[in-house]
Amino acid sequence: MSNTNHKGTLEQELEALKANEILSPDFQRKKLMMYGVRTLIAIIFYYFLWDYSWLRWTLLVYIPLNLVGLGLIIGMPMLLQKRIQSIEQKIDELP
């Protein structure tokens, strides 16, 4: 196989990655809506069961996990776009 054939194959794979639903704004909006509903349900749950002291301790686990989930929803598409751009630059540098 020649270099141009490899380069073409890599470019086709990058185009397939760009078409991935994870990078679409609709997918991110859907995930943010689901995150909001999930968080609202948890807030309601904690509000009505706040009298149980053991439940308060679960906040020490829930809050960091919730923030990590939010970070992944927001940060993953940006990280993937950045990686795709760096890979495109490397492909362009190929002879």
PDB file of N, CA and C in Angstrom:
ATOM      1  N   MET A   1       0.845  -1.186   0.000  1.00  0.00           N
ATOM      2  CA  MET A   1       0.000   0.000   0.000  1.00  0.00           C
ATOM      3  C   MET A   1       0.884   1.241   0.000  1.00  0.00           C
ATOM      4  N   SER A   2       0.440   2.224  -0.703  1.00  0.00           N
ATOM      5  CA  SER A   2       1.222   3.451  -0.774  1.00  0.00           C
ATOM      6  C   SER A   2       0.821   4.398   0.346  1.00  0.00           C
ATOM      7  N   ASN A   3       1.648   5.435   0.514  1.00  0.00           N
ATOM      8  CA  ASN A   3       1.371   6.422   1.558  1.00  0.00           C
ATOM      9  C   ASN A   3       0.064   7.159   1.309  1.00  0.00           C
ATOM     10  N   THR A   4      -0.227   7.452   0.035  1.00  0.00           N
ATOM     11  CA  THR A   4      -1.468   8.176  -0.255  1.00  0.00           C
ATOM     12  C   THR A   4      -2.684   7.320   0.079  1.00  0.00           C
ATOM     13  N   ASN A   5      -2.557   6.007  -0.097  1.00  0.00           N
ATOM     14  CA  ASN A   5      -3.657   5.106   0.239  1.00  0.00           C
ATOM     15  C   ASN A   5      -3.890   5.094   1.748  1.00  0.00           C
ATOM     16  N   HIS A   6      -2.784   5.062   2.524  1.00  0.00           N
ATOM     17  CA  HIS A   6      -2.908   5.117   3.986  1.00  0.00           C
ATOM     18  C   HIS A   6      -3.488   6.445   4.425  1.00  0.00           C
ATOM     19  N   LYS A   7      -3.018   7.508   3.790  1.00  0.00           N
ATOM     20  CA  LYS A   7      -3.503   8.843   4.139  1.00  0.00           C
ATOM     21  C   LYS A   7      -5.000   8.959   3.845  1.00  0.00           C
ATOM     22  N   GLY A   8      -5.423   8.414   2.711  1.00  0.00           N
ATOM     23  CA  GLY A   8      -6.846   8.442   2.359  1.00  0.00           C
ATOM     24  C   GLY A   8      -7.681   7.651   3.342  1.00  0.00           C
ATOM     25  N   THR A   9      -7.165   6.496   3.767  1.00  0.00           N
ATOM     26  CA  THR A   9      -7.878   5.672   4.739  1.00  0.00           C
ATOM     27  C   THR A   9      -8.013   6.411   6.066  1.00  0.00           C
ATOM     28  N   LEU A  10      -6.940   7.052   6.506  1.00  0.00           N
ATOM     29  CA  LEU A  10      -6.990   7.806   7.760  1.00  0.00           C
ATOM     30  C   LEU A  10      -7.971   8.969   7.661  1.00  0.00           C
ATOM     31  N   GLU A  11      -7.991   9.642   6.519  1.00  0.00           N
ATOM     32  CA  GLU A  11      -8.926  10.753   6.356  1.00  0.00           C
ATOM     33  C   GLU A  11     -10.373  10.266   6.363  1.00  0.00           C
ATOM     34  N   GLN A  12     -10.610   9.107   5.778  1.00  0.00           N
ATOM     35  CA  GLN A  12     -11.968   8.547   5.801  1.00  0.00           C
ATOM     36  C   GLN A  12     -12.394   8.202   7.220  1.00  0.00           C
ATOM     37  N   GLU A  13     -11.475   7.650   7.993  1.00  0.00           N
ATOM     38  CA  GLU A  13     -11.790   7.317   9.386  1.00  0.00           C
ATOM     39  C   GLU A  13     -12.057   8.577  10.205  1.00  0.00           C
ATOM     40  N   LEU A  14     -11.308   9.643   9.944  1.00  0.00           N
ATOM     41  CA  LEU A  14     -11.551  10.909  10.640  1.00  0.00           C
ATOM     42  C   LEU A  14     -12.921  11.481  10.281  1.00  0.00           C
ATOM     43  N   GLU A  15     -13.303  11.379   9.037  1.00  0.00           N
ATOM     44  CA  GLU A  15     -14.633  11.852   8.633  1.00  0.00           C
ATOM     45  C   GLU A  15     -15.724  11.043   9.341  1.00  0.00           C
ATOM     46  N   ALA A  16     -15.497   9.757   9.494  1.00  0.00           N
ATOM     47  CA  ALA A  16     -16.465   8.923  10.219  1.00  0.00           C
ATOM     48  C   ALA A  16     -16.534   9.340  11.686  1.00  0.00           C
ATOM     49  N   LEU A  17     -15.391   9.689  12.260  1.00  0.00           N
ATOM     50  CA  LEU A  17     -15.377  10.152  13.653  1.00  0.00           C
ATOM     51  C   LEU A  17     -16.125  11.470  13.799  1.00  0.00           C
ATOM     52  N   LYS A  18     -15.937  12.361  12.842  1.00  0.00           N
ATOM     53  CA  LYS A  18     -16.617  13.658  12.902  1.00  0.00           C
ATOM     54  C   LYS A  18     -18.128  13.490  12.808  1.00  0.00           C
ATOM     55  N   ALA A  19     -18.573  12.472  12.114  1.00  0.00           N
ATOM     56  CA  ALA A  19     -20.005  12.227  11.959  1.00  0.00           C
ATOM     57  C   ALA A  19     -20.597  11.509  13.175  1.00  0.00           C
ATOM     58  N   ASN A  20     -19.752  11.139  14.133  1.00  0.00           N
ATOM     59  CA  ASN A  20     -20.214  10.426  15.320  1.00  0.00           C
ATOM     60  C   ASN A  20     -21.217  11.274  16.092  1.00  0.00           C
ATOM     61  N   GLU A  21     -22.218  10.631  16.636  1.00  0.00           N
ATOM     62  CA  GLU A  21     -23.285  11.353  17.326  1.00  0.00           C
ATOM     63  C   GLU A  21     -22.806  12.019  18.615  1.00  0.00           C
ATOM     64  N   ILE A  22     -21.722  11.554  19.202  1.00  0.00           N
ATOM     65  CA  ILE A  22     -21.217  12.144  20.445  1.00  0.00           C
ATOM     66  C   ILE A  22     -20.824  13.600  20.231  1.00  0.00           C
ATOM     67  N   LEU A  23     -20.397  13.941  19.043  1.00  0.00           N
ATOM     68  CA  LEU A  23     -19.959  15.306  18.770  1.00  0.00           C
ATOM     69  C   LEU A  23     -21.101  16.223  18.351  1.00  0.00           C
ATOM     70  N   SER A  24     -22.296  15.694  18.164  1.00  0.00           N
ATOM     71  CA  SER A  24     -23.405  16.532  17.708  1.00  0.00           C
ATOM     72  C   SER A  24     -23.976  17.347  18.871  1.00  0.00           C
ATOM     73  N   PRO A  25     -24.355  18.594  18.594  1.00  0.00           N
ATOM     74  CA  PRO A  25     -24.967  19.432  19.639  1.00  0.00           C
ATOM     75  C   PRO A  25     -26.281  18.864  20.153  1.00  0.00           C
ATOM     76  N   ASP A  26     -27.033  18.176  19.294  1.00  0.00           N
ATOM     77  CA  ASP A  26     -28.297  17.585  19.741  1.00  0.00           C
ATOM     78  C   ASP A  26     -28.067  16.517  20.802  1.00  0.00           C
ATOM     79  N   PHE A  27     -27.038  15.704  20.596  1.00  0.00           N
ATOM     80  CA  PHE A  27     -26.706  14.655  21.559  1.00  0.00           C
ATOM     81  C   PHE A  27     -26.297  15.282  22.895  1.00  0.00           C
ATOM     82  N   GLN A  28     -25.476  16.339  22.836  1.00  0.00           N
ATOM     83  CA  GLN A  28     -25.035  17.000  24.063  1.00  0.00           C
ATOM     84  C   GLN A  28     -26.228  17.642  24.779  1.00  0.00           C
ATOM     85  N   ARG A  29     -27.140  18.255  24.028  1.00  0.00           N
ATOM     86  CA  ARG A  29     -28.329  18.861  24.628  1.00  0.00           C
ATOM     87  C   ARG A  29     -29.193  17.802  25.301  1.00  0.00           C
ATOM     88  N   LYS A  30     -29.344  16.652  24.642  1.00  0.00           N
ATOM     89  CA  LYS A  30     -30.132  15.550  25.210  1.00  0.00           C
ATOM     90  C   LYS A  30     -29.501  15.049  26.509  1.00  0.00           C
ATOM     91  N   LYS A  31     -28.189  14.899  26.504  1.00  0.00           N
ATOM     92  CA  LYS A  31     -27.493  14.437  27.710  1.00  0.00           C
ATOM     93  C   LYS A  31     -27.595  15.460  28.840  1.00  0.00           C
ATOM     94  N   LEU A  32     -27.522  16.756  28.511  1.00  0.00           N
ATOM     95  CA  LEU A  32     -27.664  17.790  29.543  1.00  0.00           C
ATOM     96  C   LEU A  32     -29.074  17.797  30.122  1.00  0.00           C
ATOM     97  N   MET A  33     -30.070  17.562  29.279  1.00  0.00           N
ATOM     98  CA  MET A  33     -31.449  17.484  29.781  1.00  0.00           C
ATOM     99  C   MET A  33     -31.605  16.292  30.718  1.00  0.00           C
ATOM    100  N   MET A  34     -31.060  15.156  30.332  1.00  0.00           N
ATOM    101  CA  MET A  34     -31.134  13.973  31.188  1.00  0.00           C
ATOM    102  C   MET A  34     -30.385  14.219  32.498  1.00  0.00           C
ATOM    103  N   TYR A  35     -29.251  14.896  32.425  1.00  0.00           N
ATOM    104  CA  TYR A  35     -28.486  15.233  33.623  1.00  0.00           C
ATOM    105  C   TYR A  35     -29.324  16.128  34.546  1.00  0.00           C
ATOM    106  N   GLY A  36     -29.988  17.124  33.973  1.00  0.00           N
ATOM    107  CA  GLY A  36     -30.818  18.026  34.768  1.00  0.00           C
ATOM    108  C   GLY A  36     -31.962  17.303  35.453  1.00  0.00           C
ATOM    109  N   VAL A  37     -32.622  16.417  34.728  1.00  0.00           N
ATOM    110  CA  VAL A  37     -33.733  15.646  35.314  1.00  0.00           C
ATOM    111  C   VAL A  37     -33.214  14.753  36.433  1.00  0.00           C
ATOM    112  N   ARG A  38     -32.098  14.080  36.183  1.00  0.00           N
ATOM    113  CA  ARG A  38     -31.508  13.188  37.185  1.00  0.00           C
ATOM    114  C   ARG A  38     -31.114  13.965  38.448  1.00  0.00           C
ATOM    115  N   THR A  39     -30.540  15.136  38.259  1.00  0.00           N
ATOM    116  CA  THR A  39     -30.138  15.956  39.405  1.00  0.00           C
ATOM    117  C   THR A  39     -31.356  16.483  40.154  1.00  0.00           C
ATOM    118  N   LEU A  40     -32.386  16.882  39.428  1.00  0.00           N
ATOM    119  CA  LEU A  40     -33.618  17.357  40.066  1.00  0.00           C
ATOM    120  C   LEU A  40     -34.269  16.257  40.903  1.00  0.00           C
ATOM    121  N   ILE A  41     -34.295  15.050  40.368  1.00  0.00           N
ATOM    122  CA  ILE A  41     -34.850  13.921  41.124  1.00  0.00           C
ATOM    123  C   ILE A  41     -34.036  13.681  42.392  1.00  0.00           C
ATOM    124  N   ALA A  42     -32.723  13.774  42.294  1.00  0.00           N
ATOM    125  CA  ALA A  42     -31.878  13.570  43.474  1.00  0.00           C
ATOM    126  C   ALA A  42     -32.112  14.667  44.509  1.00  0.00           C
ATOM    127  N   ILE A  43     -32.268  15.903  44.056  1.00  0.00           N
ATOM    128  CA  ILE A  43     -32.524  17.014  44.987  1.00  0.00           C
ATOM    129  C   ILE A  43     -33.844  16.797  45.716  1.00  0.00           C
ATOM    130  N   ILE A  44     -34.866  16.403  44.988  1.00  0.00           N
ATOM    131  CA  ILE A  44     -36.168  16.133  45.612  1.00  0.00           C
ATOM    132  C   ILE A  44     -36.047  14.980  46.606  1.00  0.00           C
ATOM    133  N   PHE A  45     -35.334  13.944  46.204  1.00  0.00           N
ATOM    134  CA  PHE A  45     -35.109  12.791  47.073  1.00  0.00           C
ATOM    135  C   PHE A  45     -34.417  13.208  48.373  1.00  0.00           C
ATOM    136  N   TYR A  46     -33.349  13.986  48.259  1.00  0.00           N
ATOM    137  CA  TYR A  46     -32.630  14.441  49.453  1.00  0.00           C
ATOM    138  C   TYR A  46     -33.490  15.376  50.303  1.00  0.00           C
ATOM    139  N   TYR A  47     -34.287  16.206  49.679  1.00  0.00           N
ATOM    140  CA  TYR A  47     -35.134  17.133  50.424  1.00  0.00           C
ATOM    141  C   TYR A  47     -36.124  16.387  51.321  1.00  0.00           C
ATOM    142  N   PHE A  48     -36.797  15.399  50.765  1.00  0.00           N
ATOM    143  CA  PHE A  48     -37.828  14.696  51.534  1.00  0.00           C
ATOM    144  C   PHE A  48     -37.249  13.698  52.532  1.00  0.00           C
ATOM    145  N   LEU A  49     -36.042  13.225  52.319  1.00  0.00           N
ATOM    146  CA  LEU A  49     -35.458  12.244  53.228  1.00  0.00           C
ATOM    147  C   LEU A  49     -34.286  12.810  54.036  1.00  0.00           C
ATOM    148  N   TRP A  50     -34.257  14.124  54.178  1.00  0.00           N
ATOM    149  CA  TRP A  50     -33.136  14.773  54.861  1.00  0.00           C
ATOM    150  C   TRP A  50     -33.061  14.396  56.343  1.00  0.00           C
ATOM    151  N   ASP A  51     -34.122  13.940  56.947  1.00  0.00           N
ATOM    152  CA  ASP A  51     -34.139  13.611  58.369  1.00  0.00           C
ATOM    153  C   ASP A  51     -33.287  12.390  58.691  1.00  0.00           C
ATOM    154  N   TYR A  52     -33.008  11.557  57.720  1.00  0.00           N
ATOM    155  CA  TYR A  52     -32.164  10.381  57.944  1.00  0.00           C
ATOM    156  C   TYR A  52     -30.700  10.790  57.845  1.00  0.00           C
ATOM    157  N   SER A  53     -29.987  10.640  58.957  1.00  0.00           N
ATOM    158  CA  SER A  53     -28.602  11.130  58.992  1.00  0.00           C
ATOM    159  C   SER A  53     -27.682  10.353  58.047  1.00  0.00           C
ATOM    160  N   TRP A  54     -27.934   9.069  57.867  1.00  0.00           N
ATOM    161  CA  TRP A  54     -27.074   8.288  56.978  1.00  0.00           C
ATOM    162  C   TRP A  54     -27.181   8.763  55.529  1.00  0.00           C
ATOM    163  N   LEU A  55     -28.348   9.305  55.163  1.00  0.00           N
ATOM    164  CA  LEU A  55     -28.534   9.787  53.804  1.00  0.00           C
ATOM    165  C   LEU A  55     -27.668  11.018  53.517  1.00  0.00           C
ATOM    166  N   ARG A  56     -27.461  11.835  54.517  1.00  0.00           N
ATOM    167  CA  ARG A  56     -26.614  13.027  54.343  1.00  0.00           C
ATOM    168  C   ARG A  56     -25.187  12.639  53.971  1.00  0.00           C
ATOM    169  N   TRP A  57     -24.717  11.521  54.490  1.00  0.00           N
ATOM    170  CA  TRP A  57     -23.350  11.076  54.193  1.00  0.00           C
ATOM    171  C   TRP A  57     -23.202  10.643  52.740  1.00  0.00           C
ATOM    172  N   THR A  58     -24.307  10.246  52.125  1.00  0.00           N
ATOM    173  CA  THR A  58     -24.205   9.847  50.712  1.00  0.00           C
ATOM    174  C   THR A  58     -23.920  11.033  49.802  1.00  0.00           C
ATOM    175  N   LEU A  59     -24.166  12.250  50.292  1.00  0.00           N
ATOM    176  CA  LEU A  59     -23.838  13.434  49.501  1.00  0.00           C
ATOM    177  C   LEU A  59     -22.334  13.532  49.238  1.00  0.00           C
ATOM    178  N   LEU A  60     -21.538  12.980  50.149  1.00  0.00           N
ATOM    179  CA  LEU A  60     -20.084  13.004  49.960  1.00  0.00           C
ATOM    180  C   LEU A  60     -19.663  12.196  48.729  1.00  0.00           C
ATOM    181  N   VAL A  61     -20.484  11.250  48.341  1.00  0.00           N
ATOM    182  CA  VAL A  61     -20.211  10.459  47.136  1.00  0.00           C
ATOM    183  C   VAL A  61     -20.978  11.028  45.940  1.00  0.00           C
ATOM    184  N   TYR A  62     -22.227  11.415  46.178  1.00  0.00           N
ATOM    185  CA  TYR A  62     -23.082  11.844  45.074  1.00  0.00           C
ATOM    186  C   TYR A  62     -22.592  13.132  44.410  1.00  0.00           C
ATOM    187  N   ILE A  63     -22.224  14.125  45.183  1.00  0.00           N
ATOM    188  CA  ILE A  63     -21.833  15.415  44.611  1.00  0.00           C
ATOM    189  C   ILE A  63     -20.606  15.293  43.706  1.00  0.00           C
ATOM    190  N   PRO A  64     -19.509  14.642  44.140  1.00  0.00           N
ATOM    191  CA  PRO A  64     -18.369  14.507  43.209  1.00  0.00           C
ATOM    192  C   PRO A  64     -18.720  13.708  41.954  1.00  0.00           C
ATOM    193  N   LEU A  65     -19.489  12.628  42.103  1.00  0.00           N
ATOM    194  CA  LEU A  65     -19.875  11.851  40.926  1.00  0.00           C
ATOM    195  C   LEU A  65     -20.748  12.666  39.981  1.00  0.00           C
ATOM    196  N   ASN A  66     -21.631  13.462  40.541  1.00  0.00           N
ATOM    197  CA  ASN A  66     -22.499  14.308  39.743  1.00  0.00           C
ATOM    198  C   ASN A  66     -21.670  15.344  38.970  1.00  0.00           C
ATOM    199  N   LEU A  67     -20.698  15.944  39.618  1.00  0.00           N
ATOM    200  CA  LEU A  67     -19.854  16.935  38.954  1.00  0.00           C
ATOM    201  C   LEU A  67     -18.964  16.302  37.890  1.00  0.00           C
ATOM    202  N   VAL A  68     -18.491  15.084  38.142  1.00  0.00           N
ATOM    203  CA  VAL A  68     -17.699  14.376  37.130  1.00  0.00           C
ATOM    204  C   VAL A  68     -18.565  14.096  35.907  1.00  0.00           C
ATOM    205  N   GLY A  69     -19.798  13.686  36.133  1.00  0.00           N
ATOM    206  CA  GLY A  69     -20.712  13.437  35.020  1.00  0.00           C
ATOM    207  C   GLY A  69     -20.964  14.692  34.209  1.00  0.00           C
ATOM    208  N   LEU A  70     -21.165  15.821  34.875  1.00  0.00           N
ATOM    209  CA  LEU A  70     -21.359  17.091  34.183  1.00  0.00           C
ATOM    210  C   LEU A  70     -20.109  17.471  33.400  1.00  0.00           C
ATOM    211  N   GLY A  71     -18.957  17.269  34.008  1.00  0.00           N
ATOM    212  CA  GLY A  71     -17.698  17.568  33.320  1.00  0.00           C
ATOM    213  C   GLY A  71     -17.520  16.725  32.071  1.00  0.00           C
ATOM    214  N   LEU A  72     -17.903  15.472  32.145  1.00  0.00           N
ATOM    215  CA  LEU A  72     -17.796  14.596  30.970  1.00  0.00           C
ATOM    216  C   LEU A  72     -18.769  15.006  29.867  1.00  0.00           C
ATOM    217  N   ILE A  73     -19.974  15.384  30.255  1.00  0.00           N
ATOM    218  CA  ILE A  73     -20.962  15.801  29.259  1.00  0.00           C
ATOM    219  C   ILE A  73     -20.484  17.051  28.531  1.00  0.00           C
ATOM    220  N   ILE A  74     -19.921  17.985  29.259  1.00  0.00           N
ATOM    221  CA  ILE A  74     -19.485  19.240  28.661  1.00  0.00           C
ATOM    222  C   ILE A  74     -18.098  19.114  28.032  1.00  0.00           C
ATOM    223  N   GLY A  75     -17.190  18.440  28.708  1.00  0.00           N
ATOM    224  CA  GLY A  75     -15.797  18.419  28.274  1.00  0.00           C
ATOM    225  C   GLY A  75     -15.440  17.401  27.216  1.00  0.00           C
ATOM    226  N   MET A  76     -16.137  16.291  27.170  1.00  0.00           N
ATOM    227  CA  MET A  76     -15.757  15.235  26.235  1.00  0.00           C
ATOM    228  C   MET A  76     -15.849  15.658  24.774  1.00  0.00           C
ATOM    229  N   PRO A  77     -16.928  16.318  24.335  1.00  0.00           N
ATOM    230  CA  PRO A  77     -16.941  16.752  22.927  1.00  0.00           C
ATOM    231  C   PRO A  77     -15.815  17.732  22.604  1.00  0.00           C
ATOM    232  N   MET A  78     -15.508  18.633  23.532  1.00  0.00           N
ATOM    233  CA  MET A  78     -14.409  19.575  23.287  1.00  0.00           C
ATOM    234  C   MET A  78     -13.079  18.838  23.196  1.00  0.00           C
ATOM    235  N   LEU A  79     -12.871  17.874  24.075  1.00  0.00           N
ATOM    236  CA  LEU A  79     -11.634  17.098  24.064  1.00  0.00           C
ATOM    237  C   LEU A  79     -11.512  16.288  22.772  1.00  0.00           C
ATOM    238  N   LEU A  80     -12.599  15.675  22.353  1.00  0.00           N
ATOM    239  CA  LEU A  80     -12.574  14.895  21.125  1.00  0.00           C
ATOM    240  C   LEU A  80     -12.311  15.770  19.901  1.00  0.00           C
ATOM    241  N   GLN A  81     -12.922  16.957  19.856  1.00  0.00           N
ATOM    242  CA  GLN A  81     -12.667  17.875  18.739  1.00  0.00           C
ATOM    243  C   GLN A  81     -11.200  18.278  18.691  1.00  0.00           C
ATOM    244  N   LYS A  82     -10.639  18.547  19.840  1.00  0.00           N
ATOM    245  CA  LYS A  82      -9.232  18.942  19.911  1.00  0.00           C
ATOM    246  C   LYS A  82      -8.330  17.800  19.427  1.00  0.00           C
ATOM    247  N   ARG A  83      -8.643  16.576  19.837  1.00  0.00           N
ATOM    248  CA  ARG A  83      -7.858  15.417  19.404  1.00  0.00           C
ATOM    249  C   ARG A  83      -7.986  15.195  17.902  1.00  0.00           C
ATOM    250  N   ILE A  84      -9.185  15.363  17.369  1.00  0.00           N
ATOM    251  CA  ILE A  84      -9.398  15.186  15.935  1.00  0.00           C
ATOM    252  C   ILE A  84      -8.594  16.222  15.154  1.00  0.00           C
ATOM    253  N   GLN A  85      -8.576  17.458  15.635  1.00  0.00           N
ATOM    254  CA  GLN A  85      -7.809  18.499  14.953  1.00  0.00           C
ATOM    255  C   GLN A  85      -6.311  18.190  14.980  1.00  0.00           C
ATOM    256  N   SER A  86      -5.819  17.705  16.114  1.00  0.00           N
ATOM    257  CA  SER A  86      -4.387  17.391  16.180  1.00  0.00           C
ATOM    258  C   SER A  86      -4.046  16.209  15.270  1.00  0.00           C
ATOM    259  N   ILE A  87      -4.944  15.250  15.169  1.00  0.00           N
ATOM    260  CA  ILE A  87      -4.709  14.110  14.272  1.00  0.00           C
ATOM    261  C   ILE A  87      -4.757  14.574  12.815  1.00  0.00           C
ATOM    262  N   GLU A  88      -5.681  15.497  12.494  1.00  0.00           N
ATOM    263  CA  GLU A  88      -5.734  16.034  11.133  1.00  0.00           C
ATOM    264  C   GLU A  88      -4.432  16.730  10.766  1.00  0.00           C
ATOM    265  N   GLN A  89      -3.875  17.485  11.709  1.00  0.00           N
ATOM    266  CA  GLN A  89      -2.605  18.155  11.440  1.00  0.00           C
ATOM    267  C   GLN A  89      -1.495  17.145  11.195  1.00  0.00           C
ATOM    268  N   LYS A  90      -1.479  16.078  11.968  1.00  0.00           N
ATOM    269  CA  LYS A  90      -0.460  15.061  11.779  1.00  0.00           C
ATOM    270  C   LYS A  90      -0.619  14.359  10.430  1.00  0.00           C
ATOM    271  N   ILE A  91      -1.863  14.147  10.016  1.00  0.00           N
ATOM    272  CA  ILE A  91      -2.110  13.516   8.710  1.00  0.00           C
ATOM    273  C   ILE A  91      -1.651  14.440   7.593  1.00  0.00           C
ATOM    274  N   ASP A  92      -1.919  15.752   7.741  1.00  0.00           N
ATOM    275  CA  ASP A  92      -1.496  16.702   6.715  1.00  0.00           C
ATOM    276  C   ASP A  92       0.017  16.771   6.584  1.00  0.00           C
ATOM    277  N   GLU A  93       0.723  16.476   7.684  1.00  0.00           N
ATOM    278  CA  GLU A  93       2.178  16.512   7.655  1.00  0.00           C
ATOM    279  C   GLU A  93       2.776  15.269   7.005  1.00  0.00           C
ATOM    280  N   LEU A  94       1.953  14.235   6.803  1.00  0.00           N
ATOM    281  CA  LEU A  94       2.464  13.026   6.143  1.00  0.00           C
ATOM    282  C   LEU A  94       2.825  13.323   4.694  1.00  0.00           C
ATOM    283  N   PRO A  95       3.860  12.673   4.196  1.00  0.00           N
ATOM    284  CA  PRO A  95       4.257  12.916   2.797  1.00  0.00           C
ATOM    285  C   PRO A  95       3.270  12.304   1.817  1.00  0.00           C
TER     286      PRO A  95
END
